[in-house]
Amino acid sequence: MLALLGGIFLLHLTGIILLLAATINNAWWVTDTISTDIWARWVWVNGAWNYTDLPDIHTYGEEYLQAVQASSVLACIFSILGLFVFVAQLFTLAKGQRFAFSGMFQLLACLCIMIAASIYTDRFHKNEAQGSYGPSFILAWISFVLTFLSCVIYFVLRKKTA
């Protein structure tokens, strides 16, 4: 059981790291000279990356960008809270109730990052001929899978220990 709990802890920690990397890193959309994230755009000029604001945010809709930003940050917060709750539940709750709250936090984190990545896919960079989704965007979807997997594991373990 200790090895299983250690594996779950590592899975949860990996999900948190990927969520943070996807939210912070500047590569949701990349071209040869531009790297865009959910916060700003980086442009390659004279051999250096220069920070610039996102171009003409009204084209995309400011509310969509804010929804992506908020959902990404909330996914990180819920997943970190879920890890703290997981550790606290190991020592405080009875066996039948042990992993319910951790599973709920992971479910919320999973839904938030899915919402952020889905909105970004649907609303941003539709008409751009050059470029592709970058590594941060891919990390967001991988973290969605990991948080969903850990959510399912928490709920299955809750049922087995009841």
C-alpha atoms as a PDB file:
ATOM      1  CA  MET A   1       0.000   0.000   0.000  1.00  0.00           C
ATOM      2  CA  LEU A   2       2.913   2.333   0.703  1.00  0.00           C
ATOM      3  CA  ALA A   3       4.253   1.862  -2.830  1.00  0.00           C
ATOM      4  CA  LEU A   4       0.803   2.608  -4.241  1.00  0.00           C
ATOM      5  CA  LEU A   5       0.508   5.794  -2.198  1.00  0.00           C
ATOM      6  CA  GLY A   6       4.006   6.830  -3.291  1.00  0.00           C
ATOM      7  CA  GLY A   7       3.082   6.257  -6.929  1.00  0.00           C
ATOM      8  CA  ILE A   8      -0.092   8.301  -6.542  1.00  0.00           C
ATOM      9  CA  PHE A   9       1.900  11.085  -4.885  1.00  0.00           C
ATOM     10  CA  LEU A  10       4.408  11.094  -7.772  1.00  0.00           C
ATOM     11  CA  LEU A  11       1.599  11.098 -10.360  1.00  0.00           C
ATOM     12  CA  HIS A  12      -0.053  14.020  -8.602  1.00  0.00           C
ATOM     13  CA  LEU A  13       3.248  15.893  -8.310  1.00  0.00           C
ATOM     14  CA  THR A  14       3.989  15.307 -12.005  1.00  0.00           C
ATOM     15  CA  GLY A  15       0.566  16.681 -12.897  1.00  0.00           C
ATOM     16  CA  ILE A  16       1.216  19.801 -10.823  1.00  0.00           C
ATOM     17  CA  ILE A  17       4.607  20.379 -12.459  1.00  0.00           C
ATOM     18  CA  LEU A  18       3.106  20.011 -15.950  1.00  0.00           C
ATOM     19  CA  LEU A  19       0.212  22.337 -15.071  1.00  0.00           C
ATOM     20  CA  LEU A  20       2.626  24.982 -13.804  1.00  0.00           C
ATOM     21  CA  ALA A  21       4.878  24.593 -16.852  1.00  0.00           C
ATOM     22  CA  ALA A  22       1.927  24.883 -19.230  1.00  0.00           C
ATOM     23  CA  THR A  23       0.597  27.956 -17.451  1.00  0.00           C
ATOM     24  CA  ILE A  24       3.896  29.791 -17.055  1.00  0.00           C
ATOM     25  CA  ASN A  25       5.899  28.818 -20.138  1.00  0.00           C
ATOM     26  CA  ASN A  26       5.697  30.978 -23.254  1.00  0.00           C
ATOM     27  CA  ALA A  27       4.975  28.442 -25.982  1.00  0.00           C
ATOM     28  CA  TRP A  28       1.259  27.887 -26.555  1.00  0.00           C
ATOM     29  CA  TRP A  29       1.602  29.005 -30.200  1.00  0.00           C
ATOM     30  CA  VAL A  30       4.967  29.097 -31.961  1.00  0.00           C
ATOM     31  CA  THR A  31       6.412  30.147 -35.292  1.00  0.00           C
ATOM     32  CA  ASP A  32      10.034  30.680 -36.327  1.00  0.00           C
ATOM     33  CA  THR A  33      10.091  34.212 -34.942  1.00  0.00           C
ATOM     34  CA  ILE A  34       7.155  34.360 -32.517  1.00  0.00           C
ATOM     35  CA  SER A  35       6.278  32.487 -29.354  1.00  0.00           C
ATOM     36  CA  THR A  36       2.905  33.241 -27.799  1.00  0.00           C
ATOM     37  CA  ASP A  37       1.522  32.155 -24.453  1.00  0.00           C
ATOM     38  CA  ILE A  38      -1.591  33.084 -22.530  1.00  0.00           C
ATOM     39  CA  TRP A  39       0.097  36.115 -20.986  1.00  0.00           C
ATOM     40  CA  ALA A  40       2.207  37.762 -23.704  1.00  0.00           C
ATOM     41  CA  ARG A  41       4.014  37.332 -26.995  1.00  0.00           C
ATOM     42  CA  TRP A  42       7.759  36.919 -27.456  1.00  0.00           C
ATOM     43  CA  VAL A  43       9.294  38.077 -30.746  1.00  0.00           C
ATOM     44  CA  TRP A  44      12.748  37.087 -32.041  1.00  0.00           C
ATOM     45  CA  VAL A  45      14.470  40.333 -33.094  1.00  0.00           C
ATOM     46  CA  ASN A  46      18.201  40.828 -33.683  1.00  0.00           C
ATOM     47  CA  GLY A  47      19.152  37.543 -32.065  1.00  0.00           C
ATOM     48  CA  ALA A  48      17.139  38.006 -28.854  1.00  0.00           C
ATOM     49  CA  TRP A  49      13.619  37.276 -27.625  1.00  0.00           C
ATOM     50  CA  ASN A  50      11.710  40.477 -26.848  1.00  0.00           C
ATOM     51  CA  TYR A  51       8.618  40.581 -24.656  1.00  0.00           C
ATOM     52  CA  THR A  52       5.587  42.269 -26.236  1.00  0.00           C
ATOM     53  CA  ASP A  53       1.915  42.516 -25.424  1.00  0.00           C
ATOM     54  CA  LEU A  54      -0.544  40.227 -27.128  1.00  0.00           C
ATOM     55  CA  PRO A  55      -1.523  41.773 -30.458  1.00  0.00           C
ATOM     56  CA  ASP A  56      -4.991  43.218 -30.958  1.00  0.00           C
ATOM     57  CA  ILE A  57      -6.704  41.317 -28.201  1.00  0.00           C
ATOM     58  CA  HIS A  58     -10.086  42.489 -29.485  1.00  0.00           C
ATOM     59  CA  THR A  59      -9.678  40.139 -32.450  1.00  0.00           C
ATOM     60  CA  TYR A  60      -9.840  37.145 -30.115  1.00  0.00           C
ATOM     61  CA  GLY A  61     -12.051  38.606 -27.456  1.00  0.00           C
ATOM     62  CA  GLU A  62     -10.637  39.698 -24.146  1.00  0.00           C
ATOM     63  CA  GLU A  63     -13.151  37.603 -22.210  1.00  0.00           C
ATOM     64  CA  TYR A  64     -11.860  34.429 -23.893  1.00  0.00           C
ATOM     65  CA  LEU A  65      -8.271  35.246 -22.998  1.00  0.00           C
ATOM     66  CA  GLN A  66      -9.246  35.973 -19.404  1.00  0.00           C
ATOM     67  CA  ALA A  67     -11.185  32.702 -19.254  1.00  0.00           C
ATOM     68  CA  VAL A  68      -8.117  30.788 -20.462  1.00  0.00           C
ATOM     69  CA  GLN A  69      -5.856  32.583 -17.979  1.00  0.00           C
ATOM     70  CA  ALA A  70      -8.221  32.117 -15.044  1.00  0.00           C
ATOM     71  CA  SER A  71      -8.895  28.464 -15.840  1.00  0.00           C
ATOM     72  CA  SER A  72      -5.185  27.691 -16.101  1.00  0.00           C
ATOM     73  CA  VAL A  73      -4.403  29.368 -12.798  1.00  0.00           C
ATOM     74  CA  LEU A  74      -7.364  27.694 -11.089  1.00  0.00           C
ATOM     75  CA  ALA A  75      -6.230  24.302 -12.379  1.00  0.00           C
ATOM     76  CA  CYS A  76      -2.835  24.856 -10.740  1.00  0.00           C
ATOM     77  CA  ILE A  77      -4.412  26.006  -7.480  1.00  0.00           C
ATOM     78  CA  PHE A  78      -6.888  23.114  -7.305  1.00  0.00           C
ATOM     79  CA  SER A  79      -4.213  20.547  -8.048  1.00  0.00           C
ATOM     80  CA  ILE A  80      -1.839  21.946  -5.403  1.00  0.00           C
ATOM     81  CA  LEU A  81      -4.679  22.043  -2.865  1.00  0.00           C
ATOM     82  CA  GLY A  82      -5.531  18.467  -3.820  1.00  0.00           C
ATOM     83  CA  LEU A  83      -1.995  17.359  -3.009  1.00  0.00           C
ATOM     84  CA  PHE A  84      -2.081  19.021   0.413  1.00  0.00           C
ATOM     85  CA  VAL A  85      -5.498  17.510   1.098  1.00  0.00           C
ATOM     86  CA  PHE A  86      -4.212  14.091   0.007  1.00  0.00           C
ATOM     87  CA  VAL A  87      -1.368  14.221   2.519  1.00  0.00           C
ATOM     88  CA  ALA A  88      -3.633  15.581   5.266  1.00  0.00           C
ATOM     89  CA  GLN A  89      -6.296  12.931   4.632  1.00  0.00           C
ATOM     90  CA  LEU A  90      -3.813  10.108   5.065  1.00  0.00           C
ATOM     91  CA  PHE A  91      -3.455  10.994   8.728  1.00  0.00           C
ATOM     92  CA  THR A  92      -6.824  12.450   9.706  1.00  0.00           C
ATOM     93  CA  LEU A  93      -9.787  10.741   8.043  1.00  0.00           C
ATOM     94  CA  ALA A  94     -11.236   7.277   8.370  1.00  0.00           C
ATOM     95  CA  LYS A  95     -10.614   4.763   5.595  1.00  0.00           C
ATOM     96  CA  GLY A  96     -13.941   5.186   3.783  1.00  0.00           C
ATOM     97  CA  GLN A  97     -13.603   8.964   3.466  1.00  0.00           C
ATOM     98  CA  ARG A  98      -9.907   9.181   2.795  1.00  0.00           C
ATOM     99  CA  PHE A  99      -9.553  10.148  -0.861  1.00  0.00           C
ATOM    100  CA  ALA A 100     -12.877  11.818  -1.678  1.00  0.00           C
ATOM    101  CA  PHE A 101     -11.724  15.420  -1.241  1.00  0.00           C
ATOM    102  CA  SER A 102      -8.466  14.850  -3.127  1.00  0.00           C
ATOM    103  CA  GLY A 103     -10.435  13.329  -5.978  1.00  0.00           C
ATOM    104  CA  MET A 104     -12.779  16.313  -6.056  1.00  0.00           C
ATOM    105  CA  PHE A 105      -9.899  18.786  -6.201  1.00  0.00           C
ATOM    106  CA  GLN A 106      -8.294  16.796  -9.011  1.00  0.00           C
ATOM    107  CA  LEU A 107     -11.601  16.676 -10.875  1.00  0.00           C
ATOM    108  CA  LEU A 108     -11.863  20.473 -10.614  1.00  0.00           C
ATOM    109  CA  ALA A 109      -8.256  20.869 -11.801  1.00  0.00           C
ATOM    110  CA  CYS A 110      -8.943  18.491 -14.679  1.00  0.00           C
ATOM    111  CA  LEU A 111     -12.031  20.426 -15.743  1.00  0.00           C
ATOM    112  CA  CYS A 112     -10.276  23.796 -15.473  1.00  0.00           C
ATOM    113  CA  ILE A 113      -7.302  22.865 -17.648  1.00  0.00           C
ATOM    114  CA  MET A 114      -9.637  21.191 -20.148  1.00  0.00           C
ATOM    115  CA  ILE A 115     -11.691  24.386 -20.347  1.00  0.00           C
ATOM    116  CA  ALA A 116      -8.558  26.510 -20.814  1.00  0.00           C
ATOM    117  CA  ALA A 117      -7.098  24.323 -23.559  1.00  0.00           C
ATOM    118  CA  SER A 118     -10.464  23.941 -25.294  1.00  0.00           C
ATOM    119  CA  ILE A 119     -11.147  27.670 -25.394  1.00  0.00           C
ATOM    120  CA  TYR A 120      -7.623  28.305 -26.648  1.00  0.00           C
ATOM    121  CA  THR A 121      -8.081  25.705 -29.375  1.00  0.00           C
ATOM    122  CA  ASP A 122     -11.429  27.080 -30.464  1.00  0.00           C
ATOM    123  CA  ARG A 123     -10.861  30.837 -30.276  1.00  0.00           C
ATOM    124  CA  PHE A 124      -7.193  31.617 -30.863  1.00  0.00           C
ATOM    125  CA  HIS A 125      -5.011  31.421 -33.998  1.00  0.00           C
ATOM    126  CA  LYS A 126      -7.782  30.160 -36.257  1.00  0.00           C
ATOM    127  CA  ASN A 127      -6.818  32.242 -39.272  1.00  0.00           C
ATOM    128  CA  GLU A 128      -3.050  32.145 -38.932  1.00  0.00           C
ATOM    129  CA  ALA A 129      -1.343  30.319 -41.776  1.00  0.00           C
ATOM    130  CA  GLN A 130       2.045  30.036 -40.112  1.00  0.00           C
ATOM    131  CA  GLY A 131       2.768  28.441 -36.801  1.00  0.00           C
ATOM    132  CA  SER A 132       1.578  25.556 -34.726  1.00  0.00           C
ATOM    133  CA  TYR A 133       0.573  24.732 -31.197  1.00  0.00           C
ATOM    134  CA  GLY A 134       3.632  24.726 -29.000  1.00  0.00           C
ATOM    135  CA  PRO A 135       4.931  22.567 -26.200  1.00  0.00           C
ATOM    136  CA  SER A 136       3.026  24.405 -23.460  1.00  0.00           C
ATOM    137  CA  PHE A 137      -0.260  23.723 -25.215  1.00  0.00           C
ATOM    138  CA  ILE A 138       0.670  20.049 -25.481  1.00  0.00           C
ATOM    139  CA  LEU A 139       1.691  20.019 -21.806  1.00  0.00           C
ATOM    140  CA  ALA A 140      -1.728  21.434 -20.917  1.00  0.00           C
ATOM    141  CA  TRP A 141      -3.437  18.480 -22.609  1.00  0.00           C
ATOM    142  CA  ILE A 142      -1.011  15.980 -21.051  1.00  0.00           C
ATOM    143  CA  SER A 143      -1.676  17.491 -17.624  1.00  0.00           C
ATOM    144  CA  PHE A 144      -5.401  17.146 -18.326  1.00  0.00           C
ATOM    145  CA  VAL A 145      -4.906  13.416 -18.834  1.00  0.00           C
ATOM    146  CA  LEU A 146      -2.730  13.078 -15.713  1.00  0.00           C
ATOM    147  CA  THR A 147      -5.125  14.996 -13.477  1.00  0.00           C
ATOM    148  CA  PHE A 148      -8.048  12.969 -14.811  1.00  0.00           C
ATOM    149  CA  LEU A 149      -6.128   9.750 -14.191  1.00  0.00           C
ATOM    150  CA  SER A 150      -5.263  10.734 -10.634  1.00  0.00           C
ATOM    151  CA  CYS A 151      -8.892  11.788 -10.050  1.00  0.00           C
ATOM    152  CA  VAL A 152     -10.099   8.363 -11.166  1.00  0.00           C
ATOM    153  CA  ILE A 153      -7.471   6.649  -8.998  1.00  0.00           C
ATOM    154  CA  TYR A 154      -8.553   8.665  -5.942  1.00  0.00           C
ATOM    155  CA  PHE A 155     -12.202   7.726  -6.437  1.00  0.00           C
ATOM    156  CA  VAL A 156     -11.379   4.060  -7.068  1.00  0.00           C
ATOM    157  CA  LEU A 157      -9.194   3.921  -3.955  1.00  0.00           C
ATOM    158  CA  ARG A 158     -11.939   5.560  -1.942  1.00  0.00           C
ATOM    159  CA  LYS A 159     -14.328   2.789  -2.967  1.00  0.00           C
ATOM    160  CA  LYS A 160     -11.825   0.010  -2.271  1.00  0.00           C
ATOM    161  CA  THR A 161     -11.042   1.267   1.211  1.00  0.00           C
ATOM    162  CA  ALA A 162     -14.661   1.837   2.195  1.00  0.00           C
END
